[in-house]
């Protein structure tokens, strides 16, 4: 089994930026799906009895 290659500081920075960008895109998609669901079902869906 080979050891993992050492990353340069520049590669670490690029990986971190890419991870943050992916996280932001995922958060935006979650927000869009949530908003579309509420818009489609109507705001009264939040006032239903549990």
N, C-alpha and C. Protein backbone atom coordinates (compact mmCIF):
# COMPACT_ATOMS: atom_id res chain seq x y z
N UNK A 1 0.85 -1.18 0.00
CA UNK A 1 0.00 0.00 0.00
C UNK A 1 0.89 1.24 0.00
N UNK A 2 0.63 2.15 -0.93
CA UNK A 2 1.50 3.32 -1.04
C UNK A 2 1.01 4.43 -0.11
N UNK A 3 1.93 5.24 0.31
CA UNK A 3 1.60 6.38 1.18
C UNK A 3 0.96 7.48 0.34
N UNK A 4 0.16 8.29 0.98
CA UNK A 4 -0.47 9.40 0.28
C UNK A 4 0.58 10.46 -0.03
N UNK A 5 0.49 11.09 -1.20
CA UNK A 5 1.48 12.12 -1.53
C UNK A 5 1.27 13.37 -0.66
N UNK A 6 2.37 14.02 -0.35
CA UNK A 6 2.30 15.25 0.42
C UNK A 6 1.78 16.37 -0.48
N UNK A 7 0.84 17.14 0.02
CA UNK A 7 0.29 18.24 -0.75
C UNK A 7 1.07 19.51 -0.45
N UNK A 8 1.24 20.31 -1.48
CA UNK A 8 1.89 21.59 -1.29
C UNK A 8 0.89 22.55 -0.65
N UNK A 9 1.37 23.63 -0.03
CA UNK A 9 0.43 24.61 0.54
C UNK A 9 -0.54 25.18 -0.48
N UNK A 10 -0.08 25.34 -1.73
CA UNK A 10 -0.98 25.84 -2.78
C UNK A 10 -2.08 24.83 -3.08
N UNK A 11 -1.74 23.56 -3.12
CA UNK A 11 -2.75 22.52 -3.37
C UNK A 11 -3.74 22.45 -2.22
N UNK A 12 -3.27 22.62 -1.01
CA UNK A 12 -4.17 22.61 0.16
C UNK A 12 -5.15 23.78 0.07
N UNK A 13 -4.64 24.96 -0.30
CA UNK A 13 -5.52 26.13 -0.45
C UNK A 13 -6.56 25.91 -1.53
N UNK A 14 -6.13 25.35 -2.67
CA UNK A 14 -7.09 25.09 -3.76
C UNK A 14 -8.14 24.07 -3.35
N UNK A 15 -7.72 23.03 -2.62
CA UNK A 15 -8.67 22.01 -2.17
C UNK A 15 -9.67 22.62 -1.20
N UNK A 16 -9.17 23.48 -0.31
CA UNK A 16 -10.06 24.14 0.66
C UNK A 16 -11.08 25.03 -0.05
N UNK A 17 -10.62 25.82 -1.02
CA UNK A 17 -11.54 26.69 -1.77
C UNK A 17 -12.59 25.87 -2.51
N UNK A 18 -12.15 24.76 -3.10
CA UNK A 18 -13.08 23.89 -3.83
C UNK A 18 -14.11 23.29 -2.87
N UNK A 19 -13.68 22.89 -1.69
CA UNK A 19 -14.60 22.31 -0.70
C UNK A 19 -15.62 23.35 -0.24
N UNK A 20 -15.16 24.58 -0.01
CA UNK A 20 -16.07 25.65 0.41
C UNK A 20 -17.07 25.94 -0.71
N UNK A 21 -16.60 25.97 -1.95
CA UNK A 21 -17.50 26.23 -3.08
C UNK A 21 -18.56 25.14 -3.20
N UNK A 22 -18.17 23.89 -3.04
CA UNK A 22 -19.13 22.78 -3.11
C UNK A 22 -20.14 22.89 -1.97
N UNK A 23 -19.68 23.23 -0.78
CA UNK A 23 -20.59 23.38 0.36
C UNK A 23 -21.59 24.50 0.12
N UNK A 24 -21.13 25.62 -0.46
CA UNK A 24 -22.04 26.74 -0.75
C UNK A 24 -23.08 26.36 -1.80
N UNK A 25 -22.66 25.62 -2.82
CA UNK A 25 -23.60 25.18 -3.86
C UNK A 25 -24.63 24.23 -3.25
N UNK A 26 -24.20 23.31 -2.42
CA UNK A 26 -25.14 22.39 -1.78
C UNK A 26 -26.12 23.13 -0.88
N UNK A 27 -25.63 24.10 -0.12
CA UNK A 27 -26.51 24.89 0.76
C UNK A 27 -27.52 25.67 -0.08
N UNK A 28 -27.08 26.22 -1.21
CA UNK A 28 -28.00 26.96 -2.08
C UNK A 28 -29.07 26.02 -2.64
N UNK A 29 -28.68 24.82 -3.04
CA UNK A 29 -29.66 23.86 -3.56
C UNK A 29 -30.68 23.47 -2.50
N UNK A 30 -30.22 23.26 -1.27
CA UNK A 30 -31.13 22.94 -0.18
C UNK A 30 -32.12 24.08 0.02
N UNK A 31 -31.63 25.31 0.02
CA UNK A 31 -32.50 26.48 0.21
C UNK A 31 -33.51 26.59 -0.93
N UNK A 32 -33.07 26.34 -2.16
CA UNK A 32 -33.98 26.42 -3.31
C UNK A 32 -35.06 25.34 -3.21
N UNK A 33 -34.67 24.11 -2.90
CA UNK A 33 -35.65 23.03 -2.78
C UNK A 33 -36.63 23.30 -1.65
N UNK A 34 -36.13 23.84 -0.54
CA UNK A 34 -37.01 24.17 0.59
C UNK A 34 -38.01 25.24 0.17
N UNK A 35 -37.52 26.29 -0.47
CA UNK A 35 -38.41 27.38 -0.90
C UNK A 35 -39.43 26.89 -1.92
N UNK A 36 -39.00 26.06 -2.86
CA UNK A 36 -39.94 25.53 -3.85
C UNK A 36 -40.99 24.64 -3.21
N UNK A 37 -40.59 23.85 -2.22
CA UNK A 37 -41.54 22.98 -1.54
C UNK A 37 -42.58 23.80 -0.79
N UNK A 38 -42.14 24.82 -0.07
CA UNK A 38 -43.08 25.67 0.66
C UNK A 38 -43.99 26.41 -0.33
N UNK A 39 -43.43 26.87 -1.44
CA UNK A 39 -44.23 27.58 -2.44
C UNK A 39 -45.27 26.65 -3.06
N UNK A 40 -44.89 25.41 -3.30
CA UNK A 40 -45.81 24.47 -3.94
C UNK A 40 -46.91 24.00 -2.98
N UNK A 41 -46.54 23.73 -1.72
CA UNK A 41 -47.51 23.23 -0.75
C UNK A 41 -48.28 24.35 -0.07
N UNK A 42 -47.74 25.54 -0.09
CA UNK A 42 -48.38 26.67 0.56
C UNK A 42 -47.88 26.83 1.98
N UNK A 43 -47.92 28.06 2.49
CA UNK A 43 -47.40 28.32 3.82
C UNK A 43 -48.19 27.66 4.93
N UNK A 44 -49.42 27.25 4.68
CA UNK A 44 -50.24 26.64 5.71
C UNK A 44 -49.75 25.24 6.10
N UNK A 45 -48.86 24.66 5.31
CA UNK A 45 -48.34 23.34 5.64
C UNK A 45 -47.55 23.39 6.95
N UNK A 46 -47.02 24.57 7.29
CA UNK A 46 -46.25 24.71 8.53
C UNK A 46 -47.17 24.82 9.76
N UNK A 47 -48.46 25.11 9.54
CA UNK A 47 -49.39 25.29 10.66
C UNK A 47 -50.24 24.06 10.94
N UNK A 48 -49.88 22.92 10.40
CA UNK A 48 -50.67 21.70 10.60
C UNK A 48 -50.50 21.18 12.01
N UNK A 49 -51.51 20.49 12.54
CA UNK A 49 -51.36 19.91 13.87
C UNK A 49 -50.39 18.73 13.84
N UNK A 50 -49.62 18.59 14.89
CA UNK A 50 -48.64 17.49 14.92
C UNK A 50 -49.24 16.27 15.51
